[in-house]
Amino acid sequence: MKQYICIYCCLLIFLGCESEKAEWELETRSIDQLYSIQLPSNLNEGYDMHDYASLQFYDKNEDFYVLGMEDAKDNLGEINRRRLKLDGYYKFVENTVFGQIDSVSLVGSQKFETLGSQKGKAGAYFALSIYNDVMYELYYRVAVYESDSHFFQLVIWMPYENYCEKMSTIDKITYSFQAL
């Protein structure tokens, strides 16, 4: 069953986006004086999406969700502080985000620099999750960033059927990150 789900995931991903709807207006938000990021102005601030997320925004009408967290390198211990690099932190976040998902397909990933010259790595994913015998098709963007003192993570998700119309906004959010 899972191999058929993976094949189905890949086929849907490669069909691609035909067109996008109008973009959302973005505004810069500062989070706990640690980082800033541009987010759609229509998103509501959340407080119960994740116990440790410093950034929690959503639009339930659009089924669009954004979470952000940070890890101070000083809290990682001496060995991890010297050994853990961007790729390792990305793998940790990826495993955490998709730990309870039934099927995940990585569409692509890339290393990049944000507009503020922040080093980052992002991946796009298609996921299938079955809850109460209902299958949910989801699109995820997972991004991590590294500064001298912190690792940061950003997770954006929505129903798969909506990701094409939001791709430009997702990219702008991802690349707008800036450690303060």
C-alpha atoms as a PDB file:
ATOM      1  CA  MET A   1       0.000   0.000   0.000  1.00  0.00           C
ATOM      2  CA  LYS A   2       2.746   2.453   0.975  1.00  0.00           C
ATOM      3  CA  GLN A   3       4.647   1.949  -2.289  1.00  0.00           C
ATOM      4  CA  TYR A   4       1.484   2.827  -4.242  1.00  0.00           C
ATOM      5  CA  ILE A   5       1.039   5.915  -2.100  1.00  0.00           C
ATOM      6  CA  CYS A   6       4.633   6.968  -2.884  1.00  0.00           C
ATOM      7  CA  ILE A   7       4.095   6.443  -6.619  1.00  0.00           C
ATOM      8  CA  TYR A   8       0.885   8.468  -6.405  1.00  0.00           C
ATOM      9  CA  CYS A   9       2.769  11.221  -4.524  1.00  0.00           C
ATOM     10  CA  CYS A  10       5.473  11.436  -7.156  1.00  0.00           C
ATOM     11  CA  LEU A  11       2.988  11.605 -10.014  1.00  0.00           C
ATOM     12  CA  LEU A  12       1.083  14.453  -8.380  1.00  0.00           C
ATOM     13  CA  ILE A  13       4.241  16.421  -7.634  1.00  0.00           C
ATOM     14  CA  PHE A  14       5.576  16.178 -11.170  1.00  0.00           C
ATOM     15  CA  LEU A  15       2.332  17.440 -12.670  1.00  0.00           C
ATOM     16  CA  GLY A  16       3.404  20.871 -11.448  1.00  0.00           C
ATOM     17  CA  CYS A  17       1.636  24.173 -11.117  1.00  0.00           C
ATOM     18  CA  GLU A  18      -0.216  25.686 -14.025  1.00  0.00           C
ATOM     19  CA  SER A  19      -0.923  29.126 -12.611  1.00  0.00           C
ATOM     20  CA  GLU A  20      -0.979  31.125  -9.421  1.00  0.00           C
ATOM     21  CA  LYS A  21      -3.741  33.247  -7.971  1.00  0.00           C
ATOM     22  CA  ALA A  22      -3.091  36.771  -6.730  1.00  0.00           C
ATOM     23  CA  GLU A  23      -0.302  36.979  -4.160  1.00  0.00           C
ATOM     24  CA  TRP A  24      -0.876  37.901  -0.550  1.00  0.00           C
ATOM     25  CA  GLU A  25       0.463  41.184   0.801  1.00  0.00           C
ATOM     26  CA  LEU A  26       3.471  40.554   3.051  1.00  0.00           C
ATOM     27  CA  GLU A  27       4.577  42.369   6.172  1.00  0.00           C
ATOM     28  CA  THR A  28       7.792  41.988   8.167  1.00  0.00           C
ATOM     29  CA  ARG A  29       7.378  40.492  11.623  1.00  0.00           C
ATOM     30  CA  SER A  30      10.031  40.442  14.324  1.00  0.00           C
ATOM     31  CA  ILE A  31       9.996  37.342  16.525  1.00  0.00           C
ATOM     32  CA  ASP A  32      11.336  37.618  20.087  1.00  0.00           C
ATOM     33  CA  GLN A  33      14.118  39.944  18.915  1.00  0.00           C
ATOM     34  CA  LEU A  34      15.808  36.833  17.436  1.00  0.00           C
ATOM     35  CA  TYR A  35      14.738  36.987  13.809  1.00  0.00           C
ATOM     36  CA  SER A  36      12.462  38.707  11.349  1.00  0.00           C
ATOM     37  CA  ILE A  37      10.468  37.230   8.529  1.00  0.00           C
ATOM     38  CA  GLN A  38       7.915  38.404   6.011  1.00  0.00           C
ATOM     39  CA  LEU A  39       4.482  36.855   6.456  1.00  0.00           C
ATOM     40  CA  PRO A  40       1.146  37.384   4.728  1.00  0.00           C
ATOM     41  CA  SER A  41      -0.769  40.158   6.474  1.00  0.00           C
ATOM     42  CA  ASN A  42      -3.965  38.067   6.545  1.00  0.00           C
ATOM     43  CA  LEU A  43      -2.483  35.415   8.853  1.00  0.00           C
ATOM     44  CA  ASN A  44      -3.679  35.222  12.456  1.00  0.00           C
ATOM     45  CA  GLU A  45      -1.234  34.729  15.288  1.00  0.00           C
ATOM     46  CA  GLY A  46      -1.612  31.366  16.993  1.00  0.00           C
ATOM     47  CA  TYR A  47      -0.637  30.162  20.439  1.00  0.00           C
ATOM     48  CA  ASP A  48      -1.644  26.508  20.539  1.00  0.00           C
ATOM     49  CA  MET A  49      -0.180  24.999  17.379  1.00  0.00           C
ATOM     50  CA  HIS A  50       3.067  23.881  19.056  1.00  0.00           C
ATOM     51  CA  ASP A  51       4.311  24.128  22.646  1.00  0.00           C
ATOM     52  CA  TYR A  52       7.744  25.565  21.769  1.00  0.00           C
ATOM     53  CA  ALA A  53       7.163  27.502  18.544  1.00  0.00           C
ATOM     54  CA  SER A  54       7.998  31.191  18.813  1.00  0.00           C
ATOM     55  CA  LEU A  55       6.312  31.819  15.445  1.00  0.00           C
ATOM     56  CA  GLN A  56       2.779  30.490  14.995  1.00  0.00           C
ATOM     57  CA  PHE A  57       0.588  31.960  12.259  1.00  0.00           C
ATOM     58  CA  TYR A  58      -2.317  30.539  10.299  1.00  0.00           C
ATOM     59  CA  ASP A  59      -5.296  31.225   8.101  1.00  0.00           C
ATOM     60  CA  LYS A  60      -7.883  28.487   8.646  1.00  0.00           C
ATOM     61  CA  ASN A  61     -10.014  29.693   5.727  1.00  0.00           C
ATOM     62  CA  GLU A  62      -7.027  29.213   3.386  1.00  0.00           C
ATOM     63  CA  ASP A  63      -5.670  26.174   5.301  1.00  0.00           C
ATOM     64  CA  PHE A  64      -2.226  27.816   5.445  1.00  0.00           C
ATOM     65  CA  TYR A  65       0.019  27.306   8.491  1.00  0.00           C
ATOM     66  CA  VAL A  66       3.474  28.604   9.479  1.00  0.00           C
ATOM     67  CA  LEU A  67       5.593  27.566  12.477  1.00  0.00           C
ATOM     68  CA  GLY A  68       9.030  28.792  13.473  1.00  0.00           C
ATOM     69  CA  MET A  69      11.375  27.695  16.264  1.00  0.00           C
ATOM     70  CA  GLU A  70      14.925  28.335  17.321  1.00  0.00           C
ATOM     71  CA  ASP A  71      17.619  26.385  19.145  1.00  0.00           C
ATOM     72  CA  ALA A  72      20.431  28.253  20.870  1.00  0.00           C
ATOM     73  CA  LYS A  73      23.734  26.584  20.048  1.00  0.00           C
ATOM     74  CA  ASP A  74      24.818  27.039  23.687  1.00  0.00           C
ATOM     75  CA  ASN A  75      22.021  24.646  24.690  1.00  0.00           C
ATOM     76  CA  LEU A  76      23.287  21.890  22.385  1.00  0.00           C
ATOM     77  CA  GLY A  77      26.288  20.927  24.500  1.00  0.00           C
ATOM     78  CA  GLU A  78      29.963  21.269  23.656  1.00  0.00           C
ATOM     79  CA  ILE A  79      30.212  18.315  21.241  1.00  0.00           C
ATOM     80  CA  ASN A  80      27.044  19.133  19.292  1.00  0.00           C
ATOM     81  CA  ARG A  81      27.924  22.823  19.175  1.00  0.00           C
ATOM     82  CA  ARG A  82      31.140  21.974  17.312  1.00  0.00           C
ATOM     83  CA  ARG A  83      29.822  19.083  15.209  1.00  0.00           C
ATOM     84  CA  LEU A  84      26.279  20.010  14.262  1.00  0.00           C
ATOM     85  CA  LYS A  85      26.155  21.862  10.976  1.00  0.00           C
ATOM     86  CA  LEU A  86      23.302  23.066   8.800  1.00  0.00           C
ATOM     87  CA  ASP A  87      22.814  19.699   7.037  1.00  0.00           C
ATOM     88  CA  GLY A  88      22.677  17.779  10.324  1.00  0.00           C
ATOM     89  CA  TYR A  89      20.230  20.214  11.852  1.00  0.00           C
ATOM     90  CA  TYR A  90      18.083  20.006   8.705  1.00  0.00           C
ATOM     91  CA  LYS A  91      17.968  16.201   8.987  1.00  0.00           C
ATOM     92  CA  PHE A  92      16.962  16.500  12.656  1.00  0.00           C
ATOM     93  CA  VAL A  93      14.100  18.892  11.789  1.00  0.00           C
ATOM     94  CA  GLU A  94      13.001  16.747   8.846  1.00  0.00           C
ATOM     95  CA  ASN A  95      12.804  13.644  11.059  1.00  0.00           C
ATOM     96  CA  THR A  96      10.892  15.555  13.729  1.00  0.00           C
ATOM     97  CA  VAL A  97       8.345  17.082  11.332  1.00  0.00           C
ATOM     98  CA  PHE A  98       7.587  13.851   9.493  1.00  0.00           C
ATOM     99  CA  GLY A  99       7.849  11.408  12.393  1.00  0.00           C
ATOM    100  CA  GLN A 100       4.090  10.725  12.482  1.00  0.00           C
ATOM    101  CA  ILE A 101       3.288  11.087   8.754  1.00  0.00           C
ATOM    102  CA  ASP A 102       2.274   7.930   6.866  1.00  0.00           C
ATOM    103  CA  SER A 103       4.089   8.676   3.588  1.00  0.00           C
ATOM    104  CA  VAL A 104       6.486  11.468   2.606  1.00  0.00           C
ATOM    105  CA  SER A 105       8.128  12.284  -0.726  1.00  0.00           C
ATOM    106  CA  LEU A 106      10.907  14.845  -0.994  1.00  0.00           C
ATOM    107  CA  VAL A 107      10.318  16.872  -4.136  1.00  0.00           C
ATOM    108  CA  GLY A 108      13.559  18.803  -3.938  1.00  0.00           C
ATOM    109  CA  SER A 109      15.924  20.633  -1.613  1.00  0.00           C
ATOM    110  CA  GLN A 110      18.480  23.377  -1.919  1.00  0.00           C
ATOM    111  CA  LYS A 111      20.998  25.367   0.054  1.00  0.00           C
ATOM    112  CA  PHE A 112      20.700  29.120  -0.329  1.00  0.00           C
ATOM    113  CA  GLU A 113      21.372  32.525   1.137  1.00  0.00           C
ATOM    114  CA  THR A 114      18.440  34.672   2.184  1.00  0.00           C
ATOM    115  CA  LEU A 115      18.034  38.299   1.192  1.00  0.00           C
ATOM    116  CA  GLY A 116      19.805  39.120   4.478  1.00  0.00           C
ATOM    117  CA  SER A 117      22.758  36.800   3.620  1.00  0.00           C
ATOM    118  CA  GLN A 118      21.619  34.127   6.073  1.00  0.00           C
ATOM    119  CA  LYS A 119      22.735  30.568   5.246  1.00  0.00           C
ATOM    120  CA  GLY A 120      19.780  28.219   4.851  1.00  0.00           C
ATOM    121  CA  LYS A 121      18.537  24.938   3.480  1.00  0.00           C
ATOM    122  CA  ALA A 122      14.965  24.203   2.386  1.00  0.00           C
ATOM    123  CA  GLY A 123      13.024  21.249   1.093  1.00  0.00           C
ATOM    124  CA  ALA A 124       9.619  20.778  -0.521  1.00  0.00           C
ATOM    125  CA  TYR A 125       7.594  17.696   0.379  1.00  0.00           C
ATOM    126  CA  PHE A 126       4.384  15.957  -0.505  1.00  0.00           C
ATOM    127  CA  ALA A 127       2.913  13.988   2.392  1.00  0.00           C
ATOM    128  CA  LEU A 128      -0.012  11.653   2.879  1.00  0.00           C
ATOM    129  CA  SER A 129      -1.454  11.182   6.309  1.00  0.00           C
ATOM    130  CA  ILE A 130      -4.386   8.992   7.261  1.00  0.00           C
ATOM    131  CA  TYR A 131      -6.456  10.135  10.216  1.00  0.00           C
ATOM    132  CA  ASN A 132      -9.777   8.486  11.172  1.00  0.00           C
ATOM    133  CA  ASP A 133      -9.737   6.595   7.855  1.00  0.00           C
ATOM    134  CA  VAL A 134      -9.491   9.856   5.873  1.00  0.00           C
ATOM    135  CA  MET A 135      -6.436  10.449   3.707  1.00  0.00           C
ATOM    136  CA  TYR A 136      -5.002  13.982   3.779  1.00  0.00           C
ATOM    137  CA  GLU A 137      -2.692  15.168   0.996  1.00  0.00           C
ATOM    138  CA  LEU A 138      -0.368  17.899   2.245  1.00  0.00           C
ATOM    139  CA  TYR A 139       2.413  20.101   0.896  1.00  0.00           C
ATOM    140  CA  TYR A 140       5.247  21.081   3.251  1.00  0.00           C
ATOM    141  CA  ARG A 141       8.130  23.528   2.994  1.00  0.00           C
ATOM    142  CA  VAL A 142      10.750  22.906   5.648  1.00  0.00           C
ATOM    143  CA  ALA A 143      13.591  25.406   5.984  1.00  0.00           C
ATOM    144  CA  VAL A 144      16.443  25.752   8.451  1.00  0.00           C
ATOM    145  CA  TYR A 145      18.823  28.644   8.967  1.00  0.00           C
ATOM    146  CA  GLU A 146      22.065  29.067  10.899  1.00  0.00           C
ATOM    147  CA  SER A 147      23.481  32.104  12.651  1.00  0.00           C
ATOM    148  CA  ASP A 148      26.524  32.344  14.906  1.00  0.00           C
ATOM    149  CA  SER A 149      24.432  31.663  18.010  1.00  0.00           C
ATOM    150  CA  HIS A 150      21.308  29.776  16.824  1.00  0.00           C
ATOM    151  CA  PHE A 151      19.733  27.293  14.473  1.00  0.00           C
ATOM    152  CA  PHE A 152      16.261  28.265  13.274  1.00  0.00           C
ATOM    153  CA  GLN A 153      13.535  26.199  11.662  1.00  0.00           C
ATOM    154  CA  LEU A 154      10.542  27.185   9.599  1.00  0.00           C
ATOM    155  CA  VAL A 155       7.711  24.825   8.623  1.00  0.00           C
ATOM    156  CA  ILE A 156       4.932  25.833   6.244  1.00  0.00           C
ATOM    157  CA  TRP A 157       2.126  23.449   5.324  1.00  0.00           C
ATOM    158  CA  MET A 158      -1.218  23.384   3.556  1.00  0.00           C
ATOM    159  CA  PRO A 159      -3.421  21.003   1.583  1.00  0.00           C
ATOM    160  CA  TYR A 160      -1.576  19.809  -1.502  1.00  0.00           C
ATOM    161  CA  GLU A 161      -4.295  21.158  -3.800  1.00  0.00           C
ATOM    162  CA  ASN A 162      -3.506  24.728  -2.658  1.00  0.00           C
ATOM    163  CA  TYR A 163       0.261  24.830  -2.944  1.00  0.00           C
ATOM    164  CA  CYS A 164       0.490  25.991  -6.571  1.00  0.00           C
ATOM    165  CA  GLU A 165      -1.398  29.192  -5.941  1.00  0.00           C
ATOM    166  CA  LYS A 166       0.765  29.951  -2.893  1.00  0.00           C
ATOM    167  CA  MET A 167       4.214  28.990  -4.211  1.00  0.00           C
ATOM    168  CA  SER A 168       5.435  32.541  -4.830  1.00  0.00           C
ATOM    169  CA  THR A 169       4.410  33.552  -1.306  1.00  0.00           C
ATOM    170  CA  ILE A 170       6.026  30.437   0.188  1.00  0.00           C
ATOM    171  CA  ASP A 171       9.303  31.309  -1.565  1.00  0.00           C
ATOM    172  CA  LYS A 172       9.157  34.918  -0.369  1.00  0.00           C
ATOM    173  CA  ILE A 173       8.551  33.808   3.219  1.00  0.00           C
ATOM    174  CA  THR A 174      11.405  31.287   3.062  1.00  0.00           C
ATOM    175  CA  TYR A 175      13.984  33.691   1.634  1.00  0.00           C
ATOM    176  CA  SER A 176      12.970  36.695   3.766  1.00  0.00           C
ATOM    177  CA  PHE A 177      14.302  35.190   7.017  1.00  0.00           C
ATOM    178  CA  GLN A 178      16.894  37.307   8.813  1.00  0.00           C
ATOM    179  CA  ALA A 179      18.542  36.643  12.171  1.00  0.00           C
ATOM    180  CA  LEU A 180      18.660  39.801  14.318  1.00  0.00           C
END
